[in-house]
Structure formats: C-alpha cells, structure tokens
N, C-alpha and C. Protein backbone atom coordinates (compact mmCIF):
# COMPACT_ATOMS: atom_id res chain seq x y z
N MET A 1 127.32 123.64 123.73
CA MET A 1 126.94 122.36 123.15
C MET A 1 127.70 122.12 121.95
N PRO A 2 128.24 120.88 121.86
CA PRO A 2 128.91 120.57 120.59
C PRO A 2 128.04 120.32 119.43
N ILE A 3 128.59 120.69 118.24
CA ILE A 3 127.77 120.42 117.13
C ILE A 3 127.10 118.96 116.93
N LYS A 4 127.72 117.88 117.52
CA LYS A 4 127.15 116.62 117.41
C LYS A 4 126.00 116.46 118.09
N GLU A 5 125.79 117.23 119.30
CA GLU A 5 124.56 117.25 120.10
C GLU A 5 123.41 117.99 119.20
N LEU A 6 123.65 119.08 118.60
CA LEU A 6 122.72 119.83 117.81
C LEU A 6 122.33 119.05 116.54
N GLN A 7 123.19 118.19 116.11
CA GLN A 7 123.01 117.10 115.01
C GLN A 7 121.96 116.25 115.45
N GLU A 8 122.17 115.63 116.78
CA GLU A 8 121.19 114.69 117.17
C GLU A 8 119.79 115.35 117.39
N MET A 9 119.70 116.67 117.54
CA MET A 9 118.51 117.34 117.58
C MET A 9 117.83 117.67 116.32
N TYR A 10 118.59 118.03 115.34
CA TYR A 10 118.03 118.55 114.15
C TYR A 10 118.42 117.87 112.81
N GLY A 11 119.50 116.90 112.83
CA GLY A 11 120.06 116.13 111.95
C GLY A 11 120.90 117.05 111.12
N GLY A 12 121.38 116.63 109.80
CA GLY A 12 122.21 117.44 109.20
C GLY A 12 123.58 116.65 109.01
N SER A 13 124.16 116.73 107.80
CA SER A 13 125.36 115.92 107.67
C SER A 13 126.60 116.99 107.94
N CYS A 14 126.43 118.06 107.95
CA CYS A 14 127.56 119.13 108.25
C CYS A 14 126.97 120.19 109.07
N ALA A 15 127.81 120.95 109.75
CA ALA A 15 127.57 121.99 110.65
C ALA A 15 126.66 123.10 110.04
N ALA A 16 126.94 123.50 108.79
CA ALA A 16 126.14 124.59 108.11
C ALA A 16 124.56 123.95 107.97
N GLN A 17 124.57 122.75 107.53
CA GLN A 17 123.07 122.14 107.28
C GLN A 17 122.41 122.17 108.66
N THR A 18 123.18 121.70 109.68
CA THR A 18 122.51 121.57 111.05
C THR A 18 122.09 122.89 111.78
N ILE A 19 123.05 123.88 111.43
CA ILE A 19 122.66 125.24 111.97
C ILE A 19 121.47 125.84 111.13
N ASN A 20 121.45 125.42 109.80
CA ASN A 20 120.22 125.88 109.04
C ASN A 20 118.93 125.46 109.56
N ARG A 21 119.05 124.06 109.91
CA ARG A 21 117.82 123.40 110.48
C ARG A 21 117.49 123.96 111.76
N ALA A 22 118.37 124.32 112.69
CA ALA A 22 117.99 125.07 114.00
C ALA A 22 117.28 126.31 113.62
N VAL A 23 117.87 127.00 112.57
CA VAL A 23 117.31 128.43 112.40
C VAL A 23 115.88 128.22 111.89
N ILE A 24 115.61 127.28 111.10
CA ILE A 24 114.20 127.09 110.77
C ILE A 24 113.46 126.53 111.84
N ALA A 25 113.78 125.87 112.86
CA ALA A 25 113.08 125.57 114.06
C ALA A 25 113.07 126.41 115.22
N GLU A 26 113.97 127.37 115.26
CA GLU A 26 114.02 128.17 116.50
C GLU A 26 114.05 129.62 116.15
N VAL A 27 114.30 130.22 115.01
CA VAL A 27 114.25 131.46 114.77
C VAL A 27 112.87 131.92 114.15
N PRO A 28 112.25 132.82 114.55
CA PRO A 28 110.94 133.19 113.97
C PRO A 28 111.35 133.81 112.69
N GLY A 29 110.66 133.33 111.49
CA GLY A 29 110.91 133.79 110.29
C GLY A 29 112.10 133.10 109.54
N GLY A 30 112.83 132.17 110.22
CA GLY A 30 113.98 131.59 109.73
C GLY A 30 113.58 130.85 108.40
N GLU A 31 112.64 130.02 108.64
CA GLU A 31 112.44 129.20 107.37
C GLU A 31 112.10 129.88 106.24
N ARG A 32 111.45 130.92 106.46
CA ARG A 32 110.97 131.84 105.14
C ARG A 32 112.05 132.67 104.61
N ALA A 33 113.04 133.11 105.56
CA ALA A 33 114.31 133.83 105.12
C ALA A 33 115.25 132.99 104.39
N LEU A 34 115.34 131.72 104.79
CA LEU A 34 116.20 130.73 104.03
C LEU A 34 115.71 130.27 102.78
N ALA A 35 114.27 130.17 102.70
CA ALA A 35 113.63 129.75 101.33
C ALA A 35 113.62 130.76 100.50
N LEU A 36 113.50 132.18 100.95
CA LEU A 36 113.77 133.27 100.09
C LEU A 36 115.00 133.40 99.57
N ARG A 37 116.05 133.23 100.41
CA ARG A 37 117.52 133.22 99.91
C ARG A 37 117.83 132.25 98.80
N ARG A 38 117.43 131.05 98.98
CA ARG A 38 117.44 129.80 97.96
C ARG A 38 116.83 130.37 96.71
N GLU A 39 115.56 130.97 96.78
CA GLU A 39 114.89 131.40 95.44
C GLU A 39 115.68 132.47 94.93
N VAL A 40 116.13 133.50 95.59
CA VAL A 40 116.79 134.63 94.94
C VAL A 40 118.15 134.29 94.52
N PHE A 41 118.81 133.23 95.10
CA PHE A 41 120.24 132.80 94.72
C PHE A 41 120.02 132.14 93.42
N LEU A 42 118.93 131.61 93.05
CA LEU A 42 118.72 130.93 91.63
C LEU A 42 118.59 132.01 90.55
N ASN A 43 118.10 133.19 91.00
CA ASN A 43 117.91 134.22 90.13
C ASN A 43 118.88 135.48 90.16
N ARG A 44 119.75 135.31 91.11
CA ARG A 44 120.61 136.41 91.32
C ARG A 44 121.46 137.08 90.35
N GLY A 45 121.67 136.37 89.16
CA GLY A 45 122.45 137.03 88.01
C GLY A 45 121.47 137.67 87.17
N SER A 46 120.12 137.65 87.37
CA SER A 46 119.22 138.21 86.29
C SER A 46 119.14 139.77 86.26
N SER A 47 119.74 140.33 87.41
CA SER A 47 119.78 141.85 87.37
C SER A 47 120.61 142.43 88.56
N ALA A 48 121.00 143.57 88.51
CA ALA A 48 121.73 144.12 89.59
C ALA A 48 120.90 144.25 90.87
N LYS A 49 119.65 144.48 90.68
CA LYS A 49 118.71 144.66 91.68
C LYS A 49 118.64 143.24 92.66
N MET A 50 118.52 142.17 91.75
CA MET A 50 118.46 140.80 92.31
C MET A 50 119.61 140.40 93.02
N ALA A 51 120.82 140.85 92.47
CA ALA A 51 122.00 140.69 93.13
C ALA A 51 122.07 141.33 94.58
N ARG A 52 121.63 142.67 94.63
CA ARG A 52 121.55 143.31 95.97
C ARG A 52 120.65 142.59 96.80
N VAL A 53 119.42 142.16 96.42
CA VAL A 53 118.61 141.45 97.22
C VAL A 53 119.06 140.38 97.85
N TYR A 54 119.83 139.56 96.85
CA TYR A 54 120.58 138.34 97.54
C TYR A 54 121.44 138.63 98.57
N ALA A 55 122.40 139.54 98.22
CA ALA A 55 123.31 139.97 99.28
C ALA A 55 122.57 140.24 100.76
N ALA A 56 121.61 141.04 100.67
CA ALA A 56 120.82 141.43 101.93
C ALA A 56 120.22 140.18 102.51
N LEU A 57 119.64 139.42 101.75
CA LEU A 57 119.10 137.97 102.38
C LEU A 57 120.14 137.29 103.01
N ASP A 58 121.23 137.15 102.21
CA ASP A 58 122.42 136.37 102.61
C ASP A 58 122.95 137.01 104.01
N GLU A 59 123.07 138.14 104.11
CA GLU A 59 123.40 138.80 105.33
C GLU A 59 122.56 138.52 106.57
N LEU A 60 121.18 138.53 106.22
CA LEU A 60 120.23 138.27 107.22
C LEU A 60 120.24 136.89 107.58
N CYS A 61 120.48 136.02 106.77
CA CYS A 61 120.49 134.49 107.07
C CYS A 61 121.78 134.10 107.87
N GLU A 62 122.84 134.95 107.67
CA GLU A 62 124.10 134.77 108.23
C GLU A 62 123.91 135.20 109.71
N GLU A 63 123.22 136.28 109.97
CA GLU A 63 122.77 136.79 111.30
C GLU A 63 121.97 135.70 112.01
N MET A 64 121.11 135.06 111.43
CA MET A 64 120.34 134.16 112.08
C MET A 64 121.06 132.80 112.45
N ARG A 65 121.94 132.52 111.49
CA ARG A 65 122.92 131.36 111.76
C ARG A 65 124.02 131.87 113.00
N ASP A 66 124.26 132.92 113.03
CA ASP A 66 125.11 133.36 114.23
C ASP A 66 124.49 133.30 115.52
N PHE A 67 123.07 133.70 115.36
CA PHE A 67 122.39 133.51 116.65
C PHE A 67 122.25 132.24 117.27
N ILE A 68 122.04 131.26 116.31
CA ILE A 68 122.08 129.73 116.73
C ILE A 68 123.40 129.49 117.24
N ALA A 69 124.44 129.90 116.52
CA ALA A 69 125.87 129.44 116.87
C ALA A 69 126.12 129.85 118.46
N LYS A 70 125.71 131.26 118.56
CA LYS A 70 126.10 131.79 119.92
C LYS A 70 125.17 131.11 120.98
N LYS A 71 123.96 130.76 120.63
CA LYS A 71 122.94 130.21 121.66
C LYS A 71 123.61 128.88 121.97
N TYR A 72 124.20 128.19 121.14
CA TYR A 72 124.56 126.86 121.43
C TYR A 72 126.24 126.79 121.60
N ASN A 73 126.81 128.04 121.62
CA ASN A 73 128.19 128.06 121.95
C ASN A 73 129.03 127.25 120.83
N LEU A 74 128.89 127.41 119.53
CA LEU A 74 129.40 126.89 118.53
C LEU A 74 130.03 128.01 117.65
N LYS A 75 131.08 127.44 116.82
CA LYS A 75 131.63 128.40 115.65
C LYS A 75 130.24 128.66 114.85
N SER A 76 130.50 129.87 114.27
CA SER A 76 129.41 130.26 113.18
C SER A 76 129.58 129.19 112.01
N ALA A 77 128.47 129.05 111.24
CA ALA A 77 128.48 128.20 110.05
C ALA A 77 129.36 128.71 109.07
N SER A 78 129.67 129.84 108.74
CA SER A 78 130.53 130.43 107.92
C SER A 78 131.90 130.25 108.26
N LYS A 79 132.21 130.39 109.64
CA LYS A 79 133.58 130.13 109.98
C LYS A 79 133.91 128.59 109.89
N GLU A 80 132.91 127.78 110.07
CA GLU A 80 133.14 126.38 110.01
C GLU A 80 133.43 125.92 108.67
N LYS A 81 132.54 126.57 107.87
CA LYS A 81 132.68 126.17 106.30
C LYS A 81 134.13 126.71 105.83
N LYS A 82 134.49 127.97 106.22
CA LYS A 82 135.78 128.45 105.71
C LYS A 82 136.89 127.44 106.27
N ALA A 83 136.85 127.04 107.56
CA ALA A 83 137.77 126.17 108.08
C ALA A 83 137.92 124.79 107.24
N ASN A 84 136.73 124.32 106.78
CA ASN A 84 136.61 123.06 106.08
C ASN A 84 137.17 123.30 104.38
N ASP A 85 137.23 124.52 103.99
CA ASP A 85 137.59 124.77 102.71
C ASP A 85 139.10 124.59 102.36
C-alpha cells in the first residue's frame, strides 16, 4: 500500500506523521507509548535516567512504526525521514 493510501485513511502531512497515526489506531498501547515518548522527550535533559528512559521509549515507538510499515509494505518512518533530510 502506498503511503498516499495510508494518508487517506489516517491523514497526516508526511509519512512519519501518518505512520504515527496508524500506530495510534492499530497498535495496542500505541497511543500511550507515543504520548509517553513525547512527555519524556520534553524532560530528557533533566537526568541521565530520563535520557535512558527516552531512549528505551524511542526504540519501542520505532518498533511500532516498523510494524505498521511492514504491514502496509512501506519504508519505515525513520528511513523515510532520513531520506528527506
């Protein structure tokens, strides 16, 4: 499925945003994981422990994004983002 079709289903202005929306809709715990990641991101510099927690959550969220990318035969969001940088 091309990213355009997934964008029609979930919206989003870029591949990463669309895949995050699909994670929220389709992956159990996806919304909570992404919300926690955002919260920890804002506080990641406050301590070494917070930085480790952020890294672990970031890895978990990336696995969820990869799950959606594989399900819909897409490039992963991180690969898409790196290609656009």
